């Protein structure tokens, strides 16, 4: 995941496994995104 200002956050996805709430929060915080920005991004996936 790459932000327009150059920040990157790796998100590993393993087939058949769900990402837990805590990990999602960490990804959002590491990427310095708001909750709304996160939802906008995942809609495009």
Protein backbone atom coordinates (compact mmCIF):
# COMPACT_ATOMS: atom_id res chain seq x y z
CA UNK A 1 0.00 0.00 0.00
CA UNK A 2 1.58 3.29 -1.07
CA UNK A 3 0.39 6.76 -0.04
CA UNK A 4 0.70 9.61 -2.57
CA UNK A 5 3.33 11.27 -0.35
CA UNK A 6 5.55 8.16 -0.59
CA UNK A 7 4.78 6.38 2.69
CA UNK A 8 4.35 2.61 2.33
CA UNK A 9 2.81 -0.08 4.49
CA UNK A 10 3.05 -3.78 3.72
CA UNK A 11 -0.09 -5.82 4.11
CA UNK A 12 0.42 -9.55 3.96
CA UNK A 13 -2.60 -11.60 3.03
CA UNK A 14 -2.69 -15.36 3.44
CA UNK A 15 -5.35 -17.24 1.48
CA UNK A 16 -8.18 -18.43 3.68
CA UNK A 17 -7.19 -16.26 6.65
CA UNK A 18 -8.94 -13.13 7.89
CA UNK A 19 -7.12 -10.02 9.08
CA UNK A 20 -7.99 -9.33 12.72
CA UNK A 21 -9.32 -6.01 14.02
CA UNK A 22 -6.08 -5.27 15.85
CA UNK A 23 -4.01 -5.78 12.70
CA UNK A 24 -6.37 -3.56 10.69
CA UNK A 25 -6.00 -0.81 13.32
CA UNK A 26 -2.21 -1.16 13.18
CA UNK A 27 -2.21 -0.90 9.39
CA UNK A 28 -4.41 2.22 9.53
CA UNK A 29 -2.19 3.80 12.19
CA UNK A 30 1.09 2.87 10.44
CA UNK A 31 -0.20 4.35 7.18
CA UNK A 32 -1.40 7.46 9.05
CA UNK A 33 -4.85 7.11 7.52
CA UNK A 34 -8.20 8.02 8.96
CA UNK A 35 -10.83 5.32 9.26
CA UNK A 36 -12.76 6.93 6.40
CA UNK A 37 -9.67 7.00 4.15
CA UNK A 38 -9.15 3.29 4.87
CA UNK A 39 -12.73 2.46 3.89
CA UNK A 40 -12.36 4.45 0.65
CA UNK A 41 -9.23 2.44 -0.20
CA UNK A 42 -10.65 -1.00 0.50
CA UNK A 43 -13.78 -0.32 -1.57
CA UNK A 44 -11.48 -0.11 -4.61
CA UNK A 45 -9.97 -3.56 -3.95
